[in-house]
């Protein structure tokens, strides 16, 4: 009886490990351009062998770029970049042959100012 329990436990562990294998990696960017002088989060997801998607971090990925520097998943650009676009490559650390590359433009124009918010002042007194 004890051997049967151990067998099922090992089978369960083997199936769980297989379900967590990364089949492919994909960029799922939150924006179409990068901002100057700030941290730009580069979202990379892994498609798992069970069909689910999992966010990946610098623990699973190696990030490289031709401009700027990475801090975790964030690409940091200077305030006055000399480049107009950035090439980013990610490679899966557990399988360095699994790579993905993308080119992202750096935003050149400043953001427009947000409209001023005017709070409605509460009325005092009773309605008649």
Protein backbone atom coordinates (compact mmCIF):
# COMPACT_ATOMS: atom_id res chain seq x y z
CA UNK A 1 0.00 0.00 0.00
CA UNK A 2 2.83 2.40 0.87
CA UNK A 3 4.52 1.78 -2.50
CA UNK A 4 1.32 2.71 -4.34
CA UNK A 5 1.18 6.05 -2.49
CA UNK A 6 4.81 6.81 -3.33
CA UNK A 7 4.19 5.88 -6.97
CA UNK A 8 1.23 8.27 -7.24
CA UNK A 9 3.17 11.03 -5.50
CA UNK A 10 6.06 10.68 -7.95
CA UNK A 11 3.65 10.62 -10.88
CA UNK A 12 1.96 13.80 -9.63
CA UNK A 13 5.32 15.58 -9.20
CA UNK A 14 6.42 14.53 -12.70
CA UNK A 15 3.17 15.81 -14.24
CA UNK A 16 3.40 19.11 -12.35
CA UNK A 17 6.99 19.63 -13.48
CA UNK A 18 6.02 18.95 -17.10
CA UNK A 19 3.10 21.40 -16.92
CA UNK A 20 5.50 24.18 -15.96
CA UNK A 21 7.76 23.95 -19.01
CA UNK A 22 8.01 27.10 -21.09
CA UNK A 23 7.25 26.36 -24.75
CA UNK A 24 7.69 29.89 -26.12
CA UNK A 25 8.29 33.48 -25.03
CA UNK A 26 6.47 36.58 -26.25
CA UNK A 27 6.63 40.34 -25.73
CA UNK A 28 3.33 41.77 -24.48
CA UNK A 29 4.18 45.45 -24.28
CA UNK A 30 1.99 47.96 -22.46
CA UNK A 31 2.93 50.79 -24.82
CA UNK A 32 4.02 51.41 -28.38
CA UNK A 33 6.93 53.68 -27.40
CA UNK A 34 9.45 54.13 -24.59
CA UNK A 35 9.66 57.23 -22.41
CA UNK A 36 12.90 59.14 -21.87
CA UNK A 37 14.50 59.37 -18.44
CA UNK A 38 12.37 56.71 -16.79
CA UNK A 39 12.01 52.99 -16.12
CA UNK A 40 10.11 51.30 -18.97
CA UNK A 41 8.73 47.91 -17.91
CA UNK A 42 9.27 45.30 -20.62
CA UNK A 43 6.59 42.64 -20.22
CA UNK A 44 7.56 39.18 -21.44
CA UNK A 45 5.25 36.21 -20.97
CA UNK A 46 5.93 32.53 -21.36
CA UNK A 47 3.45 30.19 -22.97
CA UNK A 48 3.47 27.06 -20.86
CA UNK A 49 3.08 23.51 -22.11
CA UNK A 50 -0.42 23.35 -20.56
CA UNK A 51 -1.48 26.37 -22.67
CA UNK A 52 -1.44 28.91 -19.83
CA UNK A 53 0.55 32.16 -19.87
CA UNK A 54 2.95 33.16 -17.10
CA UNK A 55 4.78 36.48 -16.66
CA UNK A 56 8.55 36.04 -16.79
CA UNK A 57 11.17 38.09 -14.95
CA UNK A 58 14.92 38.54 -15.03
CA UNK A 59 15.12 35.38 -12.91
CA UNK A 60 14.07 33.34 -15.97
CA UNK A 61 15.23 35.70 -18.74
CA UNK A 62 18.42 37.42 -19.85
CA UNK A 63 17.68 40.91 -21.21
CA UNK A 64 20.04 42.64 -23.65
CA UNK A 65 19.66 45.91 -25.50
CA UNK A 66 21.62 48.07 -27.92
CA UNK A 67 20.79 51.24 -25.94
CA UNK A 68 20.07 51.99 -22.27
CA UNK A 69 20.43 49.54 -19.41
CA UNK A 70 18.23 46.97 -17.76
CA UNK A 71 17.29 46.89 -14.09
CA UNK A 72 15.23 43.74 -13.73
CA UNK A 73 12.53 43.87 -16.41
CA UNK A 74 12.81 47.66 -16.69
CA UNK A 75 14.75 49.37 -19.45
CA UNK A 76 16.18 52.65 -18.16
CA UNK A 77 16.76 55.38 -20.73
CA UNK A 78 18.62 58.67 -20.23
CA UNK A 79 16.76 62.01 -20.18
CA UNK A 80 18.14 62.99 -23.60
CA UNK A 81 18.66 59.80 -25.59
CA UNK A 82 20.73 59.90 -28.76
CA UNK A 83 18.83 56.97 -30.27
CA UNK A 84 15.38 57.00 -31.86
CA UNK A 85 14.67 53.32 -31.27
CA UNK A 86 15.91 50.47 -29.13
CA UNK A 87 16.44 46.82 -30.01
CA UNK A 88 15.69 44.41 -27.15
CA UNK A 89 16.49 40.72 -27.04
CA UNK A 90 15.36 38.28 -24.37
CA UNK A 91 16.71 34.74 -23.97
CA UNK A 92 15.40 32.06 -21.68
CA UNK A 93 18.15 31.25 -19.16
CA UNK A 94 17.19 27.57 -19.01
CA UNK A 95 17.27 27.33 -22.83
CA UNK A 96 19.40 30.16 -24.34
CA UNK A 97 18.41 29.13 -27.87
CA UNK A 98 14.86 30.31 -27.10
CA UNK A 99 15.08 34.02 -27.86
CA UNK A 100 12.81 36.83 -28.95
CA UNK A 101 13.74 40.24 -30.35
CA UNK A 102 11.75 43.44 -30.77
CA UNK A 103 12.39 47.04 -31.75
CA UNK A 104 10.64 49.79 -29.80
CA UNK A 105 10.69 53.47 -30.72
CA UNK A 106 11.55 56.14 -28.15
CA UNK A 107 8.85 58.76 -27.69
CA UNK A 108 10.07 62.10 -29.05
CA UNK A 109 7.25 64.50 -28.20
CA UNK A 110 6.30 65.35 -24.61
CA UNK A 111 3.01 64.16 -23.17
CA UNK A 112 0.23 66.74 -23.52
CA UNK A 113 -0.78 68.37 -20.23
CA UNK A 114 -3.70 66.79 -18.45
CA UNK A 115 -6.84 68.93 -18.12
CA UNK A 116 -7.29 70.59 -14.76
CA UNK A 117 -9.71 68.88 -12.41
CA UNK A 118 -12.32 71.14 -10.89
CA UNK A 119 -14.05 69.54 -7.96
CA UNK A 120 -17.70 70.33 -7.51
CA UNK A 121 -18.21 72.29 -4.29
CA UNK A 122 -20.84 70.79 -2.00
CA UNK A 123 -23.97 72.84 -1.44
CA UNK A 124 -24.83 73.99 2.02
CA UNK A 125 -28.23 74.36 3.49
CA UNK A 126 -31.48 72.63 2.84
CA UNK A 127 -33.32 72.40 -0.43
CA UNK A 128 -36.64 74.10 -0.56
